[in-house]
Amino acid sequence: MNIIDLKENEVFKKEERGFNNLVDENHLQINQVSFEPGQQVPHHNANSNVTLMVVHGEGTFQIGNEVTKMGPGKLLRVPFQSPMSIRNESKEKLAFLVIKTPHPSQMK
């Protein structure tokens, strides 16, 4: 049995986003990303099929031309190659999971 404690794996940095790779297998990658207020991941294209899940806080997620604010308790599905960005516009810390399947190295 392998239990991953999300709270223990949070990484916050003042200068840039925090990042921790939790699972790295052939068909699955799970990363935990942590933002201080005002931090963001700039526009990029999803390099796999991605599911985003907020652990705590609230983030602003832009997928293509659609923008939504999301907190804990919801999953956001992002298709492969979709343009996306994520921002923490709140005054609280934000932590979320980035679940990629298959692993980006398996995408062609």
N, C-alpha and C. Protein backbone atom coordinates (compact mmCIF):
# COMPACT_ATOMS: atom_id res chain seq x y z
N MET A 1 0.86 -1.18 0.00
CA MET A 1 0.00 0.00 0.00
C MET A 1 0.89 1.24 0.00
N ASN A 2 0.51 2.20 -0.83
CA ASN A 2 1.29 3.43 -0.93
C ASN A 2 0.35 4.61 -0.72
N ILE A 3 0.47 5.27 0.41
CA ILE A 3 -0.37 6.43 0.72
C ILE A 3 0.45 7.69 0.49
N ILE A 4 -0.11 8.63 -0.27
CA ILE A 4 0.55 9.90 -0.55
C ILE A 4 -0.18 10.98 0.22
N ASP A 5 0.51 11.62 1.14
CA ASP A 5 -0.07 12.70 1.94
C ASP A 5 0.11 14.01 1.18
N LEU A 6 -0.99 14.57 0.67
CA LEU A 6 -0.92 15.78 -0.14
C LEU A 6 -0.39 16.96 0.65
N LYS A 7 -0.80 17.10 1.90
CA LYS A 7 -0.35 18.23 2.72
C LYS A 7 1.17 18.19 2.91
N GLU A 8 1.70 17.01 3.18
CA GLU A 8 3.15 16.86 3.38
C GLU A 8 3.93 17.12 2.10
N ASN A 9 3.30 16.97 0.94
CA ASN A 9 3.97 17.14 -0.35
C ASN A 9 3.80 18.52 -0.96
N GLU A 10 3.15 19.43 -0.25
CA GLU A 10 3.01 20.80 -0.76
C GLU A 10 4.36 21.51 -0.75
N VAL A 11 4.63 22.23 -1.83
CA VAL A 11 5.84 23.03 -1.94
C VAL A 11 5.41 24.43 -2.36
N PHE A 12 5.63 25.41 -1.50
CA PHE A 12 5.32 26.81 -1.84
C PHE A 12 6.63 27.57 -1.93
N LYS A 13 6.73 28.41 -2.97
CA LYS A 13 7.92 29.25 -3.16
C LYS A 13 7.44 30.67 -3.40
N LYS A 14 8.15 31.63 -2.86
CA LYS A 14 7.77 33.04 -3.03
C LYS A 14 8.00 33.53 -4.46
N GLU A 15 9.07 33.06 -5.12
CA GLU A 15 9.45 33.58 -6.43
C GLU A 15 8.73 32.91 -7.58
N GLU A 16 8.31 31.63 -7.41
CA GLU A 16 7.72 30.87 -8.51
C GLU A 16 6.80 29.81 -7.95
N ARG A 17 6.08 29.16 -8.84
CA ARG A 17 5.15 28.12 -8.41
C ARG A 17 5.90 26.99 -7.73
N GLY A 18 5.26 26.34 -6.79
CA GLY A 18 5.81 25.14 -6.17
C GLY A 18 5.36 23.92 -6.96
N PHE A 19 6.18 22.88 -6.98
CA PHE A 19 5.90 21.71 -7.81
C PHE A 19 6.42 20.46 -7.12
N ASN A 20 5.62 19.38 -7.14
CA ASN A 20 6.09 18.10 -6.63
C ASN A 20 5.48 17.00 -7.48
N ASN A 21 6.34 16.14 -8.03
CA ASN A 21 5.88 14.99 -8.81
C ASN A 21 5.52 13.88 -7.83
N LEU A 22 4.25 13.48 -7.79
CA LEU A 22 3.78 12.47 -6.84
C LEU A 22 3.78 11.06 -7.42
N VAL A 23 3.42 10.93 -8.70
CA VAL A 23 3.38 9.64 -9.37
C VAL A 23 3.96 9.83 -10.77
N ASP A 24 4.85 8.94 -11.17
CA ASP A 24 5.47 9.03 -12.49
C ASP A 24 5.61 7.62 -13.05
N GLU A 25 4.55 7.14 -13.71
CA GLU A 25 4.50 5.80 -14.27
C GLU A 25 4.25 5.90 -15.78
N ASN A 26 4.39 4.79 -16.49
CA ASN A 26 4.23 4.81 -17.95
C ASN A 26 2.92 5.41 -18.41
N HIS A 27 1.84 5.11 -17.74
CA HIS A 27 0.53 5.54 -18.22
C HIS A 27 -0.13 6.58 -17.33
N LEU A 28 0.61 7.07 -16.35
CA LEU A 28 0.02 8.03 -15.41
C LEU A 28 1.10 8.93 -14.82
N GLN A 29 0.78 10.22 -14.76
CA GLN A 29 1.64 11.17 -14.06
C GLN A 29 0.73 12.05 -13.20
N ILE A 30 1.08 12.20 -11.93
CA ILE A 30 0.33 13.08 -11.04
C ILE A 30 1.32 14.06 -10.41
N ASN A 31 1.07 15.34 -10.62
CA ASN A 31 1.88 16.41 -10.03
C ASN A 31 1.02 17.24 -9.11
N GLN A 32 1.62 17.74 -8.06
CA GLN A 32 0.94 18.71 -7.19
C GLN A 32 1.61 20.05 -7.40
N VAL A 33 0.80 21.06 -7.73
CA VAL A 33 1.30 22.41 -7.98
C VAL A 33 0.73 23.32 -6.91
N SER A 34 1.57 24.22 -6.40
CA SER A 34 1.15 25.13 -5.33
C SER A 34 1.50 26.56 -5.71
N PHE A 35 0.54 27.45 -5.54
CA PHE A 35 0.72 28.86 -5.86
C PHE A 35 0.51 29.73 -4.64
N GLU A 36 1.38 30.68 -4.45
CA GLU A 36 1.12 31.78 -3.55
C GLU A 36 0.14 32.72 -4.27
N PRO A 37 -0.52 33.64 -3.57
CA PRO A 37 -1.38 34.61 -4.26
C PRO A 37 -0.62 35.34 -5.37
N GLY A 38 -1.26 35.47 -6.52
CA GLY A 38 -0.68 36.18 -7.65
C GLY A 38 0.15 35.33 -8.60
N GLN A 39 0.47 34.09 -8.23
CA GLN A 39 1.29 33.25 -9.10
C GLN A 39 0.43 32.57 -10.16
N GLN A 40 1.09 32.09 -11.23
CA GLN A 40 0.35 31.49 -12.33
C GLN A 40 1.21 30.54 -13.15
N VAL A 41 0.54 29.73 -13.95
CA VAL A 41 1.16 28.95 -15.02
C VAL A 41 0.72 29.64 -16.30
N PRO A 42 1.65 30.14 -17.11
CA PRO A 42 1.26 30.87 -18.32
C PRO A 42 0.62 29.95 -19.36
N HIS A 43 0.06 30.57 -20.39
CA HIS A 43 -0.57 29.82 -21.47
C HIS A 43 0.39 28.78 -22.04
N HIS A 44 -0.13 27.59 -22.21
CA HIS A 44 0.60 26.49 -22.84
C HIS A 44 -0.43 25.49 -23.34
N ASN A 45 -0.02 24.52 -24.12
CA ASN A 45 -0.93 23.48 -24.60
C ASN A 45 -0.75 22.23 -23.74
N ALA A 46 -1.87 21.62 -23.37
CA ALA A 46 -1.83 20.40 -22.57
C ALA A 46 -1.06 19.32 -23.33
N ASN A 47 -0.08 18.70 -22.66
CA ASN A 47 0.77 17.70 -23.32
C ASN A 47 0.27 16.27 -23.13
N SER A 48 -0.96 16.12 -22.60
CA SER A 48 -1.63 14.84 -22.44
C SER A 48 -3.10 15.15 -22.17
N ASN A 49 -3.89 14.13 -21.91
CA ASN A 49 -5.23 14.35 -21.39
C ASN A 49 -5.04 14.68 -19.92
N VAL A 50 -5.58 15.80 -19.47
CA VAL A 50 -5.30 16.31 -18.13
C VAL A 50 -6.60 16.42 -17.33
N THR A 51 -6.53 16.03 -16.07
CA THR A 51 -7.60 16.29 -15.11
C THR A 51 -7.01 17.13 -14.00
N LEU A 52 -7.66 18.25 -13.69
CA LEU A 52 -7.20 19.15 -12.63
C LEU A 52 -8.14 19.03 -11.43
N MET A 53 -7.57 18.99 -10.24
CA MET A 53 -8.36 18.91 -9.02
C MET A 53 -7.75 19.82 -7.96
N VAL A 54 -8.53 20.79 -7.48
CA VAL A 54 -8.05 21.70 -6.44
C VAL A 54 -8.06 20.96 -5.10
N VAL A 55 -6.94 21.02 -4.40
CA VAL A 55 -6.83 20.44 -3.06
C VAL A 55 -7.33 21.44 -2.03
N HIS A 56 -6.86 22.69 -2.15
CA HIS A 56 -7.39 23.78 -1.31
C HIS A 56 -7.12 25.11 -1.98
N GLY A 57 -7.94 26.09 -1.63
CA GLY A 57 -7.86 27.41 -2.24
C GLY A 57 -8.80 27.50 -3.43
N GLU A 58 -8.64 28.55 -4.22
CA GLU A 58 -9.46 28.74 -5.42
C GLU A 58 -8.57 29.26 -6.54
N GLY A 59 -8.71 28.65 -7.71
CA GLY A 59 -7.91 29.05 -8.86
C GLY A 59 -8.79 29.50 -10.01
N THR A 60 -8.19 30.27 -10.90
CA THR A 60 -8.85 30.68 -12.15
C THR A 60 -8.21 29.87 -13.26
N PHE A 61 -9.03 29.08 -13.93
CA PHE A 61 -8.57 28.15 -14.95
C PHE A 61 -9.11 28.59 -16.30
N GLN A 62 -8.21 28.77 -17.27
CA GLN A 62 -8.63 29.11 -18.62
C GLN A 62 -8.25 27.97 -19.54
N ILE A 63 -9.27 27.40 -20.19
CA ILE A 63 -9.08 26.33 -21.16
C ILE A 63 -9.65 26.85 -22.47
N GLY A 64 -8.80 27.05 -23.46
CA GLY A 64 -9.26 27.68 -24.69
C GLY A 64 -9.76 29.08 -24.38
N ASN A 65 -10.98 29.38 -24.78
CA ASN A 65 -11.58 30.70 -24.51
C ASN A 65 -12.46 30.70 -23.27
N GLU A 66 -12.60 29.55 -22.60
CA GLU A 66 -13.46 29.46 -21.42
C GLU A 66 -12.66 29.67 -20.14
N VAL A 67 -13.23 30.44 -19.22
CA VAL A 67 -12.59 30.73 -17.94
C VAL A 67 -13.55 30.34 -16.83
N THR A 68 -13.03 29.66 -15.81
CA THR A 68 -13.83 29.31 -14.65
C THR A 68 -12.99 29.41 -13.39
N LYS A 69 -13.64 29.74 -12.28
CA LYS A 69 -12.99 29.69 -10.97
C LYS A 69 -13.41 28.39 -10.33
N MET A 70 -12.45 27.73 -9.69
CA MET A 70 -12.74 26.41 -9.15
C MET A 70 -12.04 26.24 -7.81
N GLY A 71 -12.76 25.65 -6.87
CA GLY A 71 -12.23 25.29 -5.57
C GLY A 71 -12.30 23.78 -5.39
N PRO A 72 -12.10 23.30 -4.16
CA PRO A 72 -12.11 21.86 -3.89
C PRO A 72 -13.47 21.22 -4.22
N GLY A 73 -13.41 19.94 -4.54
CA GLY A 73 -14.63 19.18 -4.75
C GLY A 73 -15.06 19.02 -6.19
N LYS A 74 -14.27 19.52 -7.14
CA LYS A 74 -14.62 19.41 -8.55
C LYS A 74 -13.40 18.96 -9.35
N LEU A 75 -13.67 18.32 -10.49
CA LEU A 75 -12.62 17.94 -11.44
C LEU A 75 -12.82 18.73 -12.72
N LEU A 76 -11.74 19.18 -13.31
CA LEU A 76 -11.78 19.89 -14.58
C LEU A 76 -11.00 19.06 -15.59
N ARG A 77 -11.69 18.63 -16.66
CA ARG A 77 -11.06 17.81 -17.69
C ARG A 77 -10.54 18.71 -18.81
N VAL A 78 -9.31 18.45 -19.24
CA VAL A 78 -8.66 19.24 -20.29
C VAL A 78 -8.17 18.28 -21.37
N PRO A 79 -8.72 18.37 -22.58
CA PRO A 79 -8.29 17.48 -23.66
C PRO A 79 -6.85 17.78 -24.11
N PHE A 80 -6.20 16.77 -24.62
CA PHE A 80 -4.85 16.86 -25.18
C PHE A 80 -4.77 18.01 -26.18
N GLN A 81 -3.70 18.78 -26.10
CA GLN A 81 -3.37 19.90 -26.98
C GLN A 81 -4.21 21.16 -26.73
N SER A 82 -5.09 21.15 -25.73
CA SER A 82 -5.91 22.35 -25.45
C SER A 82 -5.04 23.46 -24.88
N PRO A 83 -5.21 24.70 -25.35
CA PRO A 83 -4.50 25.82 -24.73
C PRO A 83 -5.07 26.06 -23.34
N MET A 84 -4.19 26.30 -22.38
CA MET A 84 -4.65 26.47 -21.00
C MET A 84 -3.71 27.35 -20.20
N SER A 85 -4.25 27.94 -19.13
CA SER A 85 -3.46 28.68 -18.15
C SER A 85 -4.19 28.60 -16.81
N ILE A 86 -3.44 28.80 -15.73
CA ILE A 86 -4.00 28.72 -14.38
C ILE A 86 -3.41 29.86 -13.57
N ARG A 87 -4.28 30.57 -12.80
CA ARG A 87 -3.84 31.70 -11.99
C ARG A 87 -4.44 31.62 -10.59
N ASN A 88 -3.69 32.11 -9.63
CA ASN A 88 -4.23 32.30 -8.28
C ASN A 88 -4.47 33.80 -8.10
N GLU A 89 -5.73 34.21 -8.30
CA GLU A 89 -6.10 35.61 -8.16
C GLU A 89 -6.62 35.93 -6.76
N SER A 90 -6.60 34.94 -5.87
CA SER A 90 -7.13 35.12 -4.51
C SER A 90 -6.03 35.61 -3.57
N LYS A 91 -6.39 35.80 -2.33
CA LYS A 91 -5.43 36.21 -1.30
C LYS A 91 -4.94 35.03 -0.48
N GLU A 92 -5.42 33.82 -0.83
CA GLU A 92 -5.06 32.59 -0.12
C GLU A 92 -4.16 31.73 -1.00
N LYS A 93 -3.45 30.79 -0.38
CA LYS A 93 -2.64 29.83 -1.13
C LYS A 93 -3.54 28.88 -1.90
N LEU A 94 -3.05 28.38 -3.02
CA LEU A 94 -3.76 27.44 -3.88
C LEU A 94 -2.88 26.22 -4.10
N ALA A 95 -3.46 25.03 -3.92
CA ALA A 95 -2.77 23.78 -4.26
C ALA A 95 -3.72 22.93 -5.09
N PHE A 96 -3.20 22.36 -6.19
CA PHE A 96 -4.04 21.53 -7.04
C PHE A 96 -3.24 20.37 -7.63
N LEU A 97 -3.95 19.32 -8.01
CA LEU A 97 -3.34 18.17 -8.65
C LEU A 97 -3.49 18.28 -10.16
N VAL A 98 -2.45 17.87 -10.87
CA VAL A 98 -2.46 17.77 -12.33
C VAL A 98 -2.29 16.28 -12.64
N ILE A 99 -3.36 15.66 -13.11
CA ILE A 99 -3.37 14.23 -13.38
C ILE A 99 -3.33 14.04 -14.89
N LYS A 100 -2.28 13.40 -15.38
CA LYS A 100 -2.09 13.23 -16.83
C LYS A 100 -2.13 11.74 -17.18
N THR A 101 -3.01 11.41 -18.11
CA THR A 101 -3.09 10.03 -18.58
C THR A 101 -3.41 10.00 -20.06
N PRO A 102 -2.62 9.35 -20.84
CA PRO A 102 -1.41 8.64 -20.41
C PRO A 102 -0.29 9.63 -20.07
N HIS A 103 0.79 9.09 -19.57
CA HIS A 103 1.96 9.91 -19.28
C HIS A 103 2.32 10.69 -20.55
N PRO A 104 2.72 11.97 -20.42
CA PRO A 104 3.07 12.77 -21.61
C PRO A 104 4.08 12.11 -22.54
N SER A 105 4.98 11.31 -22.00
CA SER A 105 5.98 10.64 -22.85
C SER A 105 5.35 9.60 -23.77
N GLN A 106 4.11 9.18 -23.47
CA GLN A 106 3.40 8.19 -24.28
C GLN A 106 2.55 8.83 -25.37
N MET A 107 2.40 10.15 -25.35
CA MET A 107 1.57 10.84 -26.34
C MET A 107 2.34 10.98 -27.65
N LYS A 108 1.64 10.84 -28.75
CA LYS A 108 2.29 10.96 -30.07
C LYS A 108 1.57 11.96 -30.90
